[in-house]
Amino acid sequence: MAKELIGVTGVTGAVGGRVARRLADAGATQRLIVRDRSTAPDLGAEVAEASDYGDFDSFRSAVQGIDTLFLVSGREHAERLRQHLTAVDAAVAAGVSRIVYLSALRAAEDATFTLARQHYATEQHIRATGLPFTFVRNSLYLDFIPWLATAEGVIAGPAGRGRLAPVSRDDIADVAAAVLVTREHDGQALELTGPETWDFYEIAAELSRVSGRTVTYKDETLEEAWASRRPSGHPDWEIEGWVTSYLAIKNGEADLVTDAVPRVTGHPAQSLPDYLAKNPESYRHLLPG
């Protein structure tokens, strides 16, 4: 019997690229789906081009013949939800038989975080297709945590004393790769977190400890959060996403620790201290000089 063909999107990104490399190491048969063939990693796999998720014909052609599709959520865009729904419809039209979707922790219709609401709508659309699915719902990337602090040593956002358990992109990729090569997790929404929760005051203290300089957390008001981000020149819908990601934490929507990473992968989820110890370059911008 021929091996199942796995289609992987987002392979030029941090999560999709990690997943593709893990599948290659495992000997899986995969097709890498990219906008530009020249950007695909060299993994000895098939490569197909699709202009973007919102181009029905292009995406359908790229995923034709694929059995399982790993659908990495698209880059932030004013039309991102429409693009997601179009990609799902194109996959169904192409005969894809299972979708594994990279979603967000506690995706829900009434989520505070705007992108979590988009993820929920995408999940519902996938459910409505009747295809087997798995939703890989990750907490905030652990890899992003050091970069939330500016070079001046300040983390600013309206998260209050809210807690979160960030999860590493390596752990997310390990889970996704394991899910893609089996059918054991069909019909599940896997909430991926790190092993413990932190608030931003504690995160600032941990960054202070490893960097040797004082890092502080400024608990912004909603008005301060918008005012501090408007000079970036980004559109309101994007700033709203940034701001509501902190508000969701304040509202307790990220205060969750699960055993999904160790249960699926067989190894512990990486902690913040472990990540910082292994990746000192992640906080280099905080070091003196």
C-alpha atoms as a PDB file:
ATOM      1  CA  MET A   1       0.000   0.000   0.000  1.00  0.00           C
ATOM      2  CA  ALA A   2       1.337   3.440  -0.933  1.00  0.00           C
ATOM      3  CA  LYS A   3       2.216   5.814   1.865  1.00  0.00           C
ATOM      4  CA  GLU A   4      -0.258   8.554   2.643  1.00  0.00           C
ATOM      5  CA  LEU A   5       0.718  11.842   1.028  1.00  0.00           C
ATOM      6  CA  ILE A   6       0.854  14.681   3.539  1.00  0.00           C
ATOM      7  CA  GLY A   7       0.602  18.266   2.322  1.00  0.00           C
ATOM      8  CA  VAL A   8       2.368  20.850   4.469  1.00  0.00           C
ATOM      9  CA  THR A   9       1.721  24.566   4.209  1.00  0.00           C
ATOM     10  CA  GLY A  10       3.729  27.323   5.859  1.00  0.00           C
ATOM     11  CA  VAL A  11       7.025  25.525   5.252  1.00  0.00           C
ATOM     12  CA  THR A  12       8.962  28.776   4.912  1.00  0.00           C
ATOM     13  CA  GLY A  13       7.797  29.723   8.415  1.00  0.00           C
ATOM     14  CA  ALA A  14       8.958  28.685  11.858  1.00  0.00           C
ATOM     15  CA  VAL A  15       6.299  26.072  12.632  1.00  0.00           C
ATOM     16  CA  GLY A  16       5.563  24.684   9.180  1.00  0.00           C
ATOM     17  CA  GLY A  17       9.264  24.424   8.415  1.00  0.00           C
ATOM     18  CA  ARG A  18       9.892  22.524  11.627  1.00  0.00           C
ATOM     19  CA  VAL A  19       7.019  20.151  10.892  1.00  0.00           C
ATOM     20  CA  ALA A  20       8.266  19.469   7.368  1.00  0.00           C
ATOM     21  CA  ARG A  21      11.764  18.673   8.651  1.00  0.00           C
ATOM     22  CA  ARG A  22      10.372  16.293  11.268  1.00  0.00           C
ATOM     23  CA  LEU A  23       8.264  14.516   8.664  1.00  0.00           C
ATOM     24  CA  ALA A  24      11.300  14.203   6.390  1.00  0.00           C
ATOM     25  CA  ASP A  25      13.335  12.726   9.242  1.00  0.00           C
ATOM     26  CA  ALA A  26      10.513  10.258   9.891  1.00  0.00           C
ATOM     27  CA  GLY A  27      10.477   9.150   6.244  1.00  0.00           C
ATOM     28  CA  ALA A  28       6.969  10.459   5.583  1.00  0.00           C
ATOM     29  CA  THR A  29       5.856  11.219   2.046  1.00  0.00           C
ATOM     30  CA  GLN A  30       5.032  14.913   1.841  1.00  0.00           C
ATOM     31  CA  ARG A  31       4.347  17.751  -0.539  1.00  0.00           C
ATOM     32  CA  LEU A  32       5.540  21.225   0.415  1.00  0.00           C
ATOM     33  CA  ILE A  33       3.110  23.965  -0.557  1.00  0.00           C
ATOM     34  CA  VAL A  34       4.701  27.372  -1.104  1.00  0.00           C
ATOM     35  CA  ARG A  35       4.023  30.623  -2.924  1.00  0.00           C
ATOM     36  CA  ASP A  36       7.397  30.491  -4.661  1.00  0.00           C
ATOM     37  CA  ARG A  37       9.065  27.163  -5.443  1.00  0.00           C
ATOM     38  CA  SER A  38      12.540  28.659  -4.967  1.00  0.00           C
ATOM     39  CA  THR A  39      11.836  29.279  -1.261  1.00  0.00           C
ATOM     40  CA  ALA A  40      10.970  25.657  -0.404  1.00  0.00           C
ATOM     41  CA  PRO A  41      13.394  23.910   1.968  1.00  0.00           C
ATOM     42  CA  ASP A  42      15.444  21.142   0.375  1.00  0.00           C
ATOM     43  CA  LEU A  43      13.948  18.053   2.006  1.00  0.00           C
ATOM     44  CA  GLY A  44      13.711  15.748  -0.991  1.00  0.00           C
ATOM     45  CA  ALA A  45       9.946  16.257  -1.103  1.00  0.00           C
ATOM     46  CA  GLU A  46       7.453  17.226  -3.776  1.00  0.00           C
ATOM     47  CA  VAL A  47       6.882  20.960  -4.095  1.00  0.00           C
ATOM     48  CA  ALA A  48       3.759  22.723  -5.349  1.00  0.00           C
ATOM     49  CA  GLU A  49       3.028  26.406  -5.739  1.00  0.00           C
ATOM     50  CA  ALA A  50      -0.141  28.166  -4.622  1.00  0.00           C
ATOM     51  CA  SER A  51      -0.405  31.929  -4.843  1.00  0.00           C
ATOM     52  CA  ASP A  52      -2.236  32.222  -1.512  1.00  0.00           C
ATOM     53  CA  TYR A  53      -5.066  30.675   0.492  1.00  0.00           C
ATOM     54  CA  GLY A  54      -7.581  33.048  -1.044  1.00  0.00           C
ATOM     55  CA  ASP A  55      -6.971  31.809  -4.604  1.00  0.00           C
ATOM     56  CA  PHE A  56      -9.340  28.834  -4.847  1.00  0.00           C
ATOM     57  CA  ASP A  57      -8.073  27.410  -8.148  1.00  0.00           C
ATOM     58  CA  SER A  58      -4.410  27.808  -7.297  1.00  0.00           C
ATOM     59  CA  PHE A  59      -4.736  26.175  -3.894  1.00  0.00           C
ATOM     60  CA  ARG A  60      -6.955  23.362  -5.175  1.00  0.00           C
ATOM     61  CA  SER A  61      -4.353  22.536  -7.820  1.00  0.00           C
ATOM     62  CA  ALA A  62      -1.539  22.570  -5.248  1.00  0.00           C
ATOM     63  CA  VAL A  63      -3.283  20.116  -2.894  1.00  0.00           C
ATOM     64  CA  GLN A  64      -4.722  17.794  -5.546  1.00  0.00           C
ATOM     65  CA  GLY A  65      -3.881  14.198  -4.631  1.00  0.00           C
ATOM     66  CA  ILE A  66      -3.001  14.958  -1.020  1.00  0.00           C
ATOM     67  CA  ASP A  67      -4.465  12.694   1.659  1.00  0.00           C
ATOM     68  CA  THR A  68      -3.845  14.751   4.817  1.00  0.00           C
ATOM     69  CA  LEU A  69      -3.374  18.523   4.748  1.00  0.00           C
ATOM     70  CA  PHE A  70      -1.510  20.409   7.463  1.00  0.00           C
ATOM     71  CA  LEU A  71      -3.064  23.843   7.234  1.00  0.00           C
ATOM     72  CA  VAL A  72      -0.968  26.454   8.992  1.00  0.00           C
ATOM     73  CA  SER A  73      -2.985  29.553   9.754  1.00  0.00           C
ATOM     74  CA  GLY A  74      -2.232  32.358   7.313  1.00  0.00           C
ATOM     75  CA  ARG A  75      -0.250  35.487   7.990  1.00  0.00           C
ATOM     76  CA  GLU A  76      -2.160  38.381   9.529  1.00  0.00           C
ATOM     77  CA  HIS A  77      -4.321  40.013   6.875  1.00  0.00           C
ATOM     78  CA  ALA A  78      -7.549  41.972   6.771  1.00  0.00           C
ATOM     79  CA  GLU A  79      -9.080  39.103   4.768  1.00  0.00           C
ATOM     80  CA  ARG A  80      -7.424  36.234   6.637  1.00  0.00           C
ATOM     81  CA  LEU A  81     -10.650  34.480   7.646  1.00  0.00           C
ATOM     82  CA  ARG A  82     -11.981  34.564   4.098  1.00  0.00           C
ATOM     83  CA  GLN A  83      -8.657  33.156   2.897  1.00  0.00           C
ATOM     84  CA  HIS A  84      -8.833  30.333   5.436  1.00  0.00           C
ATOM     85  CA  LEU A  85     -12.363  29.377   4.411  1.00  0.00           C
ATOM     86  CA  THR A  86     -11.412  29.452   0.728  1.00  0.00           C
ATOM     87  CA  ALA A  87      -8.420  27.188   1.366  1.00  0.00           C
ATOM     88  CA  VAL A  88     -10.628  24.689   3.211  1.00  0.00           C
ATOM     89  CA  ASP A  89     -13.169  24.690   0.381  1.00  0.00           C
ATOM     90  CA  ALA A  90     -10.403  24.233  -2.184  1.00  0.00           C
ATOM     91  CA  ALA A  91      -8.972  21.304  -0.203  1.00  0.00           C
ATOM     92  CA  VAL A  92     -12.384  19.610  -0.127  1.00  0.00           C
ATOM     93  CA  ALA A  93     -12.803  20.167  -3.862  1.00  0.00           C
ATOM     94  CA  ALA A  94      -9.368  18.637  -4.449  1.00  0.00           C
ATOM     95  CA  GLY A  95     -10.310  15.463  -2.572  1.00  0.00           C
ATOM     96  CA  VAL A  96      -8.229  15.965   0.565  1.00  0.00           C
ATOM     97  CA  SER A  97      -9.414  13.397   3.104  1.00  0.00           C
ATOM     98  CA  ARG A  98      -8.218  14.906   6.419  1.00  0.00           C
ATOM     99  CA  ILE A  99      -7.243  18.357   7.697  1.00  0.00           C
ATOM    100  CA  VAL A 100      -4.915  19.117  10.601  1.00  0.00           C
ATOM    101  CA  TYR A 101      -5.268  22.814  11.374  1.00  0.00           C
ATOM    102  CA  LEU A 102      -2.894  25.015  13.370  1.00  0.00           C
ATOM    103  CA  SER A 103      -5.261  27.013  15.559  1.00  0.00           C
ATOM    104  CA  ALA A 104      -5.112  29.001  18.811  1.00  0.00           C
ATOM    105  CA  LEU A 105      -5.571  28.148  22.460  1.00  0.00           C
ATOM    106  CA  ARG A 106      -9.220  28.128  23.509  1.00  0.00           C
ATOM    107  CA  ALA A 107     -10.453  29.294  20.118  1.00  0.00           C
ATOM    108  CA  ALA A 108     -14.057  30.362  20.629  1.00  0.00           C
ATOM    109  CA  GLU A 109     -16.789  32.461  19.089  1.00  0.00           C
ATOM    110  CA  ASP A 110     -16.681  34.871  22.033  1.00  0.00           C
ATOM    111  CA  ALA A 111     -12.900  34.865  22.583  1.00  0.00           C
ATOM    112  CA  THR A 112     -11.384  38.199  23.566  1.00  0.00           C
ATOM    113  CA  PHE A 113      -8.452  37.767  21.178  1.00  0.00           C
ATOM    114  CA  THR A 114      -9.687  38.670  17.704  1.00  0.00           C
ATOM    115  CA  LEU A 115      -7.558  36.047  15.955  1.00  0.00           C
ATOM    116  CA  ALA A 116      -8.886  33.312  18.275  1.00  0.00           C
ATOM    117  CA  ARG A 117     -12.371  34.147  16.982  1.00  0.00           C
ATOM    118  CA  GLN A 118     -11.087  33.764  13.414  1.00  0.00           C
ATOM    119  CA  HIS A 119      -9.537  30.429  14.327  1.00  0.00           C
ATOM    120  CA  TYR A 120     -12.846  29.271  15.801  1.00  0.00           C
ATOM    121  CA  ALA A 121     -14.712  30.218  12.616  1.00  0.00           C
ATOM    122  CA  THR A 122     -12.144  28.298  10.568  1.00  0.00           C
ATOM    123  CA  GLU A 123     -12.491  25.271  12.842  1.00  0.00           C
ATOM    124  CA  GLN A 124     -16.264  25.358  12.464  1.00  0.00           C
ATOM    125  CA  HIS A 125     -15.922  25.491   8.701  1.00  0.00           C
ATOM    126  CA  ILE A 126     -13.621  22.469   8.786  1.00  0.00           C
ATOM    127  CA  ARG A 127     -16.070  20.588  11.007  1.00  0.00           C
ATOM    128  CA  ALA A 128     -18.872  21.346   8.553  1.00  0.00           C
ATOM    129  CA  THR A 129     -16.987  19.601   5.732  1.00  0.00           C
ATOM    130  CA  GLY A 130     -17.469  16.251   7.475  1.00  0.00           C
ATOM    131  CA  LEU A 131     -13.784  15.397   7.006  1.00  0.00           C
ATOM    132  CA  PRO A 132     -11.704  13.929   9.822  1.00  0.00           C
ATOM    133  CA  PHE A 133      -9.758  16.712  11.515  1.00  0.00           C
ATOM    134  CA  THR A 134      -7.424  17.593  14.345  1.00  0.00           C
ATOM    135  CA  PHE A 135      -7.034  21.121  15.689  1.00  0.00           C
ATOM    136  CA  VAL A 136      -3.614  21.919  17.127  1.00  0.00           C
ATOM    137  CA  ARG A 137      -4.359  24.895  19.388  1.00  0.00           C
ATOM    138  CA  ASN A 138      -1.241  26.517  20.741  1.00  0.00           C
ATOM    139  CA  SER A 139      -0.739  29.046  23.500  1.00  0.00           C
ATOM    140  CA  LEU A 140       1.488  32.055  22.858  1.00  0.00           C
ATOM    141  CA  TYR A 141       4.825  30.998  21.395  1.00  0.00           C
ATOM    142  CA  LEU A 142       7.438  30.603  24.113  1.00  0.00           C
ATOM    143  CA  ASP A 143       9.967  31.795  21.522  1.00  0.00           C
ATOM    144  CA  PHE A 144       8.247  35.212  21.432  1.00  0.00           C
ATOM    145  CA  ILE A 145       8.473  35.865  25.161  1.00  0.00           C
ATOM    146  CA  PRO A 146      11.960  37.465  25.273  1.00  0.00           C
ATOM    147  CA  TRP A 147      11.082  39.681  22.315  1.00  0.00           C
ATOM    148  CA  LEU A 148       8.087  41.155  24.129  1.00  0.00           C
ATOM    149  CA  ALA A 149      10.668  43.146  26.085  1.00  0.00           C
ATOM    150  CA  THR A 150      12.064  46.180  24.293  1.00  0.00           C
ATOM    151  CA  ALA A 151      15.782  46.930  24.175  1.00  0.00           C
ATOM    152  CA  GLU A 152      15.058  49.345  27.026  1.00  0.00           C
ATOM    153  CA  GLY A 153      13.878  46.407  29.145  1.00  0.00           C
ATOM    154  CA  VAL A 154      10.137  47.068  29.183  1.00  0.00           C
ATOM    155  CA  ILE A 155       7.232  44.733  28.483  1.00  0.00           C
ATOM    156  CA  ALA A 156       4.064  46.791  27.998  1.00  0.00           C
ATOM    157  CA  GLY A 157       0.519  45.568  27.551  1.00  0.00           C
ATOM    158  CA  PRO A 158      -2.899  45.493  29.229  1.00  0.00           C
ATOM    159  CA  ALA A 159      -2.619  41.979  30.681  1.00  0.00           C
ATOM    160  CA  GLY A 160      -2.843  42.850  34.390  1.00  0.00           C
ATOM    161  CA  ARG A 161      -2.005  39.862  36.552  1.00  0.00           C
ATOM    162  CA  GLY A 162      -3.308  37.425  33.965  1.00  0.00           C
ATOM    163  CA  ARG A 163      -1.371  34.201  33.549  1.00  0.00           C
ATOM    164  CA  LEU A 164      -0.289  32.168  30.535  1.00  0.00           C
ATOM    165  CA  ALA A 165       1.689  29.002  29.827  1.00  0.00           C
ATOM    166  CA  PRO A 166       3.587  29.713  26.604  1.00  0.00           C
ATOM    167  CA  VAL A 167       4.598  26.754  24.450  1.00  0.00           C
ATOM    168  CA  SER A 168       7.679  26.410  22.257  1.00  0.00           C
ATOM    169  CA  ARG A 169       7.471  26.136  18.501  1.00  0.00           C
ATOM    170  CA  ASP A 170       9.611  22.997  18.740  1.00  0.00           C
ATOM    171  CA  ASP A 171       6.987  21.368  20.972  1.00  0.00           C
ATOM    172  CA  ILE A 172       4.169  22.476  18.649  1.00  0.00           C
ATOM    173  CA  ALA A 173       6.012  20.976  15.678  1.00  0.00           C
ATOM    174  CA  ASP A 174       6.643  17.729  17.550  1.00  0.00           C
ATOM    175  CA  VAL A 175       2.926  17.432  18.298  1.00  0.00           C
ATOM    176  CA  ALA A 176       1.836  18.316  14.764  1.00  0.00           C
ATOM    177  CA  ALA A 177       4.265  15.857  13.179  1.00  0.00           C
ATOM    178  CA  ALA A 178       3.069  13.078  15.478  1.00  0.00           C
ATOM    179  CA  VAL A 179      -0.563  13.869  14.695  1.00  0.00           C
ATOM    180  CA  LEU A 180       0.071  13.914  10.945  1.00  0.00           C
ATOM    181  CA  VAL A 181       1.531  10.409  10.759  1.00  0.00           C
ATOM    182  CA  THR A 182      -1.238   8.706  12.746  1.00  0.00           C
ATOM    183  CA  ARG A 183      -5.022   8.820  12.997  1.00  0.00           C
ATOM    184  CA  GLU A 184      -5.049   8.550  16.782  1.00  0.00           C
ATOM    185  CA  HIS A 185      -6.095  12.150  17.316  1.00  0.00           C
ATOM    186  CA  ASP A 186      -8.854  12.505  14.747  1.00  0.00           C
ATOM    187  CA  GLY A 187     -11.746  14.594  16.020  1.00  0.00           C
ATOM    188  CA  GLN A 188      -9.681  16.209  18.790  1.00  0.00           C
ATOM    189  CA  ALA A 189      -8.772  19.783  19.622  1.00  0.00           C
ATOM    190  CA  LEU A 190      -5.372  19.609  21.319  1.00  0.00           C
ATOM    191  CA  GLU A 191      -4.701  22.565  23.615  1.00  0.00           C
ATOM    192  CA  LEU A 192      -0.910  22.972  23.690  1.00  0.00           C
ATOM    193  CA  THR A 193       0.745  24.769  26.606  1.00  0.00           C
ATOM    194  CA  GLY A 194       3.972  24.906  28.500  1.00  0.00           C
ATOM    195  CA  PRO A 195       4.353  23.168  31.871  1.00  0.00           C
ATOM    196  CA  GLU A 196       3.559  26.158  34.116  1.00  0.00           C
ATOM    197  CA  THR A 197       1.855  29.537  34.068  1.00  0.00           C
ATOM    198  CA  TRP A 198       3.480  32.949  34.414  1.00  0.00           C
ATOM    199  CA  ASP A 199       2.239  36.491  34.690  1.00  0.00           C
ATOM    200  CA  PHE A 200       4.190  39.281  33.020  1.00  0.00           C
ATOM    201  CA  TYR A 201       5.679  40.545  36.283  1.00  0.00           C
ATOM    202  CA  GLU A 202       7.181  37.079  36.788  1.00  0.00           C
ATOM    203  CA  ILE A 203       8.308  36.916  33.169  1.00  0.00           C
ATOM    204  CA  ALA A 204      10.042  40.284  33.567  1.00  0.00           C
ATOM    205  CA  ALA A 205      11.772  38.990  36.692  1.00  0.00           C
ATOM    206  CA  GLU A 206      12.963  35.874  34.862  1.00  0.00           C
ATOM    207  CA  LEU A 207      14.323  37.945  31.977  1.00  0.00           C
ATOM    208  CA  SER A 208      16.047  40.164  34.539  1.00  0.00           C
ATOM    209  CA  ARG A 209      17.649  37.111  36.120  1.00  0.00           C
ATOM    210  CA  VAL A 210      19.099  35.692  32.915  1.00  0.00           C
ATOM    211  CA  SER A 211      20.116  38.984  31.295  1.00  0.00           C
ATOM    212  CA  GLY A 212      21.540  40.697  34.351  1.00  0.00           C
ATOM    213  CA  ARG A 213      19.645  43.912  33.667  1.00  0.00           C
ATOM    214  CA  THR A 214      16.358  45.139  35.067  1.00  0.00           C
ATOM    215  CA  VAL A 215      13.339  44.227  32.958  1.00  0.00           C
ATOM    216  CA  THR A 216       9.982  45.620  34.027  1.00  0.00           C
ATOM    217  CA  TYR A 217       6.362  45.087  33.102  1.00  0.00           C
ATOM    218  CA  LYS A 218       4.138  48.119  32.472  1.00  0.00           C
ATOM    219  CA  ASP A 219       0.479  47.192  32.887  1.00  0.00           C
ATOM    220  CA  GLU A 220      -1.078  49.503  30.330  1.00  0.00           C
ATOM    221  CA  THR A 221      -4.648  50.702  30.302  1.00  0.00           C
ATOM    222  CA  LEU A 222      -6.576  49.977  27.139  1.00  0.00           C
ATOM    223  CA  GLU A 223      -6.137  53.591  26.046  1.00  0.00           C
ATOM    224  CA  GLU A 224      -2.392  53.467  26.722  1.00  0.00           C
ATOM    225  CA  ALA A 225      -2.067  50.229  24.768  1.00  0.00           C
ATOM    226  CA  TRP A 226      -3.680  51.734  21.681  1.00  0.00           C
ATOM    227  CA  ALA A 227      -1.729  54.987  22.006  1.00  0.00           C
ATOM    228  CA  SER A 228       1.617  53.200  22.325  1.00  0.00           C
ATOM    229  CA  ARG A 229       0.968  51.113  19.214  1.00  0.00           C
ATOM    230  CA  ARG A 230      -0.614  53.654  16.871  1.00  0.00           C
ATOM    231  CA  PRO A 231       2.748  55.238  15.919  1.00  0.00           C
ATOM    232  CA  SER A 232       3.700  51.913  14.303  1.00  0.00           C
ATOM    233  CA  GLY A 233       1.490  52.863  11.369  1.00  0.00           C
ATOM    234  CA  HIS A 234      -0.182  49.459  11.319  1.00  0.00           C
ATOM    235  CA  PRO A 235      -3.922  49.321  10.553  1.00  0.00           C
ATOM    236  CA  ASP A 236      -6.457  49.281  13.368  1.00  0.00           C
ATOM    237  CA  TRP A 237      -7.443  45.646  12.789  1.00  0.00           C
ATOM    238  CA  GLU A 238      -3.833  44.591  13.350  1.00  0.00           C
ATOM    239  CA  ILE A 239      -3.361  46.764  16.439  1.00  0.00           C
ATOM    240  CA  GLU A 240      -6.626  45.363  17.804  1.00  0.00           C
ATOM    241  CA  GLY A 241      -5.156  41.885  17.471  1.00  0.00           C
ATOM    242  CA  TRP A 242      -2.053  42.883  19.416  1.00  0.00           C
ATOM    243  CA  VAL A 243      -4.036  44.596  22.156  1.00  0.00           C
ATOM    244  CA  THR A 244      -6.668  41.884  22.537  1.00  0.00           C
ATOM    245  CA  SER A 245      -3.978  39.208  22.843  1.00  0.00           C
ATOM    246  CA  TYR A 246      -3.020  40.869  26.150  1.00  0.00           C
ATOM    247  CA  LEU A 247      -6.652  41.441  27.165  1.00  0.00           C
ATOM    248  CA  ALA A 248      -7.370  37.740  26.662  1.00  0.00           C
ATOM    249  CA  ILE A 249      -4.582  36.961  29.126  1.00  0.00           C
ATOM    250  CA  LYS A 250      -5.987  39.493  31.587  1.00  0.00           C
ATOM    251  CA  ASN A 251      -9.410  37.833  31.271  1.00  0.00           C
ATOM    252  CA  GLY A 252      -7.978  34.419  32.185  1.00  0.00           C
ATOM    253  CA  GLU A 253      -8.373  32.885  28.728  1.00  0.00           C
ATOM    254  CA  ALA A 254      -4.720  31.768  28.600  1.00  0.00           C
ATOM    255  CA  ASP A 255      -4.552  30.525  32.193  1.00  0.00           C
ATOM    256  CA  LEU A 256      -4.320  26.849  31.315  1.00  0.00           C
ATOM    257  CA  VAL A 257      -1.799  24.033  31.625  1.00  0.00           C
ATOM    258  CA  THR A 258      -2.428  20.769  29.783  1.00  0.00           C
ATOM    259  CA  ASP A 259      -0.575  17.484  29.326  1.00  0.00           C
ATOM    260  CA  ALA A 260      -1.060  17.487  25.538  1.00  0.00           C
ATOM    261  CA  VAL A 261       2.620  17.978  24.656  1.00  0.00           C
ATOM    262  CA  PRO A 262       3.989  15.139  26.831  1.00  0.00           C
ATOM    263  CA  ARG A 263       1.002  12.918  26.079  1.00  0.00           C
ATOM    264  CA  VAL A 264       1.412  13.158  22.306  1.00  0.00           C
ATOM    265  CA  THR A 265       5.194  13.446  22.036  1.00  0.00           C
ATOM    266  CA  GLY A 266       6.430  11.426  25.007  1.00  0.00           C
ATOM    267  CA  HIS A 267       8.637  14.260  26.275  1.00  0.00           C
ATOM    268  CA  PRO A 268       7.999  17.156  28.678  1.00  0.00           C
ATOM    269  CA  ALA A 269       6.921  20.524  27.373  1.00  0.00           C
ATOM    270  CA  GLN A 270       9.737  23.047  27.436  1.00  0.00           C
ATOM    271  CA  SER A 271       9.634  25.622  30.232  1.00  0.00           C
ATOM    272  CA  LEU A 272      10.598  29.289  30.056  1.00  0.00           C
ATOM    273  CA  PRO A 273      13.795  28.831  32.120  1.00  0.00           C
ATOM    274  CA  ASP A 274      14.795  25.859  29.947  1.00  0.00           C
ATOM    275  CA  TYR A 275      14.161  27.818  26.757  1.00  0.00           C
ATOM    276  CA  LEU A 276      16.177  30.818  27.928  1.00  0.00           C
ATOM    277  CA  ALA A 277      19.057  28.589  29.033  1.00  0.00           C
ATOM    278  CA  LYS A 278      19.185  26.882  25.642  1.00  0.00           C
ATOM    279  CA  ASN A 279      18.602  30.029  23.571  1.00  0.00           C
ATOM    280  CA  PRO A 280      20.631  32.910  25.035  1.00  0.00           C
ATOM    281  CA  GLU A 281      20.470  34.701  21.679  1.00  0.00           C
ATOM    282  CA  SER A 282      16.748  35.211  22.322  1.00  0.00           C
ATOM    283  CA  TYR A 283      17.478  37.856  24.949  1.00  0.00           C
ATOM    284  CA  ARG A 284      20.688  39.263  23.479  1.00  0.00           C
ATOM    285  CA  HIS A 285      18.926  42.578  22.843  1.00  0.00           C
ATOM    286  CA  LEU A 286      18.619  42.952  26.620  1.00  0.00           C
ATOM    287  CA  LEU A 287      22.306  42.455  27.401  1.00  0.00           C
ATOM    288  CA  PRO A 288      24.444  45.463  28.346  1.00  0.00           C
ATOM    289  CA  GLY A 289      26.347  46.900  25.401  1.00  0.00           C
END
